[in-house]
């Protein structure tokens, strides 16, 4: 399973989102910190989920980062989060 698929599966399981986009932006960060050959280091997610609706932005980001802790531990370097 790719890192993108792992992120998508973890967020779908945790939040049951009505909208979920996981975009690998690793190539845009070529030569920057955390980048490595083969990508899978920098992602953007767009998500809309009732479970996130009542939380402020900091709490939303914390919840998402906690749901993806295994991916961060495995080498995910950066995550841009857009909660709709």
N, C-alpha and C. Protein backbone atom coordinates (compact mmCIF):
# COMPACT_ATOMS: atom_id res chain seq x y z
N UNK A 1 0.85 -1.18 0.00
CA UNK A 1 0.00 0.00 0.00
C UNK A 1 0.90 1.24 0.00
N UNK A 2 0.59 2.21 -0.85
CA UNK A 2 1.38 3.43 -0.92
C UNK A 2 1.11 4.32 0.30
N UNK A 3 2.00 5.26 0.55
CA UNK A 3 1.81 6.19 1.66
C UNK A 3 0.51 6.97 1.45
N UNK A 4 0.25 7.38 0.21
CA UNK A 4 -0.99 8.09 -0.08
C UNK A 4 -2.20 7.24 0.31
N UNK A 5 -2.18 5.97 -0.05
CA UNK A 5 -3.28 5.07 0.29
C UNK A 5 -3.40 4.86 1.80
N UNK A 6 -2.26 4.79 2.48
CA UNK A 6 -2.28 4.64 3.94
C UNK A 6 -2.91 5.86 4.60
N UNK A 7 -2.55 7.05 4.12
CA UNK A 7 -3.13 8.29 4.66
C UNK A 7 -4.63 8.30 4.43
N UNK A 8 -5.03 7.99 3.21
CA UNK A 8 -6.45 7.98 2.88
C UNK A 8 -7.21 6.98 3.75
N UNK A 9 -6.68 5.79 3.92
CA UNK A 9 -7.35 4.77 4.72
C UNK A 9 -7.46 5.18 6.19
N UNK A 10 -6.38 5.73 6.74
CA UNK A 10 -6.39 6.13 8.15
C UNK A 10 -7.40 7.25 8.41
N UNK A 11 -7.46 8.23 7.51
CA UNK A 11 -8.39 9.34 7.69
C UNK A 11 -9.83 8.90 7.45
N UNK A 12 -10.05 8.03 6.49
CA UNK A 12 -11.40 7.53 6.23
C UNK A 12 -11.92 6.74 7.43
N UNK A 13 -11.05 5.92 8.01
CA UNK A 13 -11.45 5.12 9.17
C UNK A 13 -11.75 6.00 10.38
N UNK A 14 -10.90 6.98 10.63
CA UNK A 14 -11.03 7.82 11.83
C UNK A 14 -12.17 8.83 11.72
N UNK A 15 -12.36 9.45 10.55
CA UNK A 15 -13.28 10.58 10.45
C UNK A 15 -14.49 10.36 9.55
N UNK A 16 -14.55 9.29 8.76
CA UNK A 16 -15.65 9.05 7.82
C UNK A 16 -16.00 10.32 7.06
N UNK A 17 -15.03 10.88 6.34
CA UNK A 17 -15.25 12.19 5.69
C UNK A 17 -16.20 12.12 4.50
N UNK A 18 -16.87 13.24 4.27
CA UNK A 18 -17.71 13.37 3.08
C UNK A 18 -16.87 13.83 1.89
N UNK A 19 -15.73 14.42 2.17
CA UNK A 19 -14.76 14.84 1.14
C UNK A 19 -13.38 14.48 1.65
N UNK A 20 -12.59 13.84 0.81
CA UNK A 20 -11.21 13.53 1.17
C UNK A 20 -10.36 13.48 -0.09
N UNK A 21 -9.39 14.36 -0.17
CA UNK A 21 -8.41 14.37 -1.25
C UNK A 21 -7.03 14.28 -0.60
N UNK A 22 -6.21 13.38 -1.09
CA UNK A 22 -4.83 13.24 -0.61
C UNK A 22 -3.92 13.43 -1.81
N UNK A 23 -3.12 14.48 -1.77
CA UNK A 23 -2.31 14.88 -2.92
C UNK A 23 -0.83 14.82 -2.54
N UNK A 24 -0.06 14.04 -3.28
CA UNK A 24 1.38 13.94 -3.06
C UNK A 24 2.07 15.15 -3.72
N UNK A 25 2.62 16.03 -2.91
CA UNK A 25 3.30 17.23 -3.40
C UNK A 25 4.81 17.12 -3.23
N UNK A 26 5.30 15.90 -3.06
CA UNK A 26 6.72 15.69 -2.76
C UNK A 26 7.64 16.30 -3.81
N UNK A 27 7.30 16.15 -5.09
CA UNK A 27 8.18 16.66 -6.14
C UNK A 27 8.33 18.18 -6.10
N UNK A 28 7.35 18.87 -5.54
CA UNK A 28 7.45 20.33 -5.41
C UNK A 28 8.48 20.73 -4.36
N UNK A 29 8.93 19.79 -3.56
CA UNK A 29 9.86 20.06 -2.47
C UNK A 29 11.24 19.45 -2.71
N UNK A 30 11.52 19.15 -3.96
CA UNK A 30 12.81 18.56 -4.34
C UNK A 30 13.95 19.41 -3.76
N UNK A 31 14.85 18.76 -3.04
CA UNK A 31 16.01 19.44 -2.47
C UNK A 31 15.76 20.10 -1.13
N UNK A 32 14.52 20.12 -0.66
CA UNK A 32 14.20 20.73 0.64
C UNK A 32 14.31 19.70 1.75
N UNK A 33 14.24 20.19 2.96
CA UNK A 33 14.33 19.31 4.12
C UNK A 33 13.28 18.21 4.07
N UNK A 34 13.67 17.03 4.39
CA UNK A 34 12.74 15.91 4.46
C UNK A 34 12.47 15.22 3.14
N UNK A 35 12.85 15.84 2.02
CA UNK A 35 12.62 15.21 0.72
C UNK A 35 13.56 14.04 0.55
N UNK A 36 13.07 13.00 -0.10
CA UNK A 36 13.94 11.86 -0.43
C UNK A 36 13.51 11.29 -1.77
N UNK A 37 14.43 10.61 -2.40
CA UNK A 37 14.17 9.99 -3.70
C UNK A 37 12.94 9.10 -3.61
N UNK A 38 12.07 9.21 -4.56
CA UNK A 38 10.85 8.41 -4.58
C UNK A 38 9.64 9.11 -4.00
N UNK A 39 9.84 10.27 -3.40
CA UNK A 39 8.71 11.04 -2.88
C UNK A 39 8.09 10.45 -1.63
N UNK A 40 6.78 10.59 -1.53
CA UNK A 40 6.02 10.11 -0.38
C UNK A 40 6.44 10.78 0.92
N UNK A 41 6.80 12.07 0.84
CA UNK A 41 7.25 12.79 2.03
C UNK A 41 6.40 14.01 2.34
N UNK A 42 5.82 14.64 1.33
CA UNK A 42 5.06 15.88 1.49
C UNK A 42 3.67 15.70 0.86
N UNK A 43 2.65 15.86 1.67
CA UNK A 43 1.28 15.67 1.18
C UNK A 43 0.40 16.85 1.57
N UNK A 44 -0.65 17.03 0.80
CA UNK A 44 -1.72 17.98 1.10
C UNK A 44 -3.00 17.16 1.20
N UNK A 45 -3.78 17.45 2.24
CA UNK A 45 -5.09 16.81 2.34
C UNK A 45 -6.17 17.89 2.37
N UNK A 46 -7.25 17.56 1.73
CA UNK A 46 -8.47 18.36 1.80
C UNK A 46 -9.53 17.43 2.37
N UNK A 47 -10.14 17.86 3.46
CA UNK A 47 -11.07 16.97 4.16
C UNK A 47 -12.26 17.76 4.69
N UNK A 48 -13.40 17.11 4.64
CA UNK A 48 -14.61 17.62 5.27
C UNK A 48 -15.24 16.45 6.00
N UNK A 49 -15.42 16.62 7.30
CA UNK A 49 -15.97 15.53 8.11
C UNK A 49 -16.73 16.11 9.30
N UNK A 50 -17.89 15.57 9.60
CA UNK A 50 -18.65 16.06 10.75
C UNK A 50 -17.84 16.01 12.06
N UNK A 51 -16.97 15.02 12.20
CA UNK A 51 -16.18 14.88 13.43
C UNK A 51 -15.23 16.05 13.65
N UNK A 52 -14.90 16.78 12.58
CA UNK A 52 -13.99 17.92 12.68
C UNK A 52 -14.73 19.25 12.76
N UNK A 53 -16.02 19.24 12.48
CA UNK A 53 -16.79 20.47 12.33
C UNK A 53 -16.82 21.34 13.59
N UNK A 54 -16.91 20.76 14.75
CA UNK A 54 -17.03 21.54 15.97
C UNK A 54 -15.71 21.95 16.60
N UNK A 55 -14.61 21.62 15.96
CA UNK A 55 -13.29 21.89 16.52
C UNK A 55 -12.68 23.14 15.91
N UNK A 56 -11.87 23.86 16.70
CA UNK A 56 -11.14 24.97 16.11
C UNK A 56 -10.00 24.42 15.26
N UNK A 57 -9.34 25.29 14.51
CA UNK A 57 -8.34 24.83 13.55
C UNK A 57 -7.19 24.06 14.21
N UNK A 58 -6.73 24.51 15.35
CA UNK A 58 -5.64 23.82 16.03
C UNK A 58 -6.08 22.41 16.43
N UNK A 59 -7.27 22.28 16.97
CA UNK A 59 -7.78 20.97 17.38
C UNK A 59 -7.99 20.06 16.16
N UNK A 60 -8.46 20.63 15.04
CA UNK A 60 -8.62 19.84 13.81
C UNK A 60 -7.28 19.28 13.36
N UNK A 61 -6.26 20.13 13.33
CA UNK A 61 -4.94 19.70 12.87
C UNK A 61 -4.34 18.67 13.82
N UNK A 62 -4.52 18.87 15.11
CA UNK A 62 -4.02 17.88 16.08
C UNK A 62 -4.68 16.52 15.87
N UNK A 63 -5.99 16.52 15.67
CA UNK A 63 -6.72 15.27 15.48
C UNK A 63 -6.24 14.54 14.23
N UNK A 64 -6.03 15.30 13.16
CA UNK A 64 -5.55 14.70 11.91
C UNK A 64 -4.13 14.17 12.07
N UNK A 65 -3.26 14.97 12.68
CA UNK A 65 -1.88 14.52 12.90
C UNK A 65 -1.83 13.27 13.78
N UNK A 66 -2.66 13.21 14.80
CA UNK A 66 -2.71 12.02 15.66
C UNK A 66 -3.17 10.80 14.87
N UNK A 67 -4.14 10.99 13.98
CA UNK A 67 -4.64 9.87 13.17
C UNK A 67 -3.57 9.35 12.21
N UNK A 68 -2.59 10.20 11.89
CA UNK A 68 -1.54 9.83 10.94
C UNK A 68 -0.18 9.61 11.62
N UNK A 69 -0.18 9.38 12.92
CA UNK A 69 1.09 9.21 13.64
C UNK A 69 1.94 8.09 13.06
N UNK A 70 1.33 6.99 12.68
CA UNK A 70 2.11 5.87 12.11
C UNK A 70 2.82 6.29 10.83
N UNK A 71 2.16 7.10 10.02
CA UNK A 71 2.78 7.57 8.77
C UNK A 71 3.92 8.55 9.06
N UNK A 72 3.74 9.42 10.04
CA UNK A 72 4.83 10.32 10.44
C UNK A 72 6.02 9.51 10.97
N UNK A 73 5.74 8.50 11.76
CA UNK A 73 6.81 7.66 12.31
C UNK A 73 7.56 6.92 11.20
N UNK A 74 6.87 6.65 10.09
CA UNK A 74 7.47 5.91 8.97
C UNK A 74 8.16 6.81 7.94
N UNK A 75 8.14 8.13 8.15
CA UNK A 75 8.88 9.01 7.24
C UNK A 75 8.10 10.13 6.59
N UNK A 76 6.79 10.22 6.82
CA UNK A 76 6.03 11.36 6.32
C UNK A 76 6.63 12.61 6.95
N UNK A 77 7.02 13.57 6.11
CA UNK A 77 7.73 14.75 6.62
C UNK A 77 6.82 15.95 6.81
N UNK A 78 5.93 16.20 5.86
CA UNK A 78 5.11 17.41 5.92
C UNK A 78 3.70 17.14 5.44
N UNK A 79 2.75 17.84 6.07
CA UNK A 79 1.36 17.66 5.75
C UNK A 79 0.68 19.02 5.75
N UNK A 80 0.16 19.43 4.61
CA UNK A 80 -0.65 20.64 4.51
C UNK A 80 -2.11 20.20 4.67
N UNK A 81 -2.83 20.87 5.55
CA UNK A 81 -4.20 20.46 5.87
C UNK A 81 -5.18 21.56 5.53
N UNK A 82 -6.19 21.20 4.75
CA UNK A 82 -7.29 22.11 4.43
C UNK A 82 -8.58 21.44 4.89
N UNK A 83 -9.19 21.98 5.94
CA UNK A 83 -10.46 21.45 6.42
C UNK A 83 -11.56 22.32 5.83
N UNK A 84 -12.48 21.67 5.14
CA UNK A 84 -13.59 22.39 4.49
C UNK A 84 -14.80 22.36 5.38
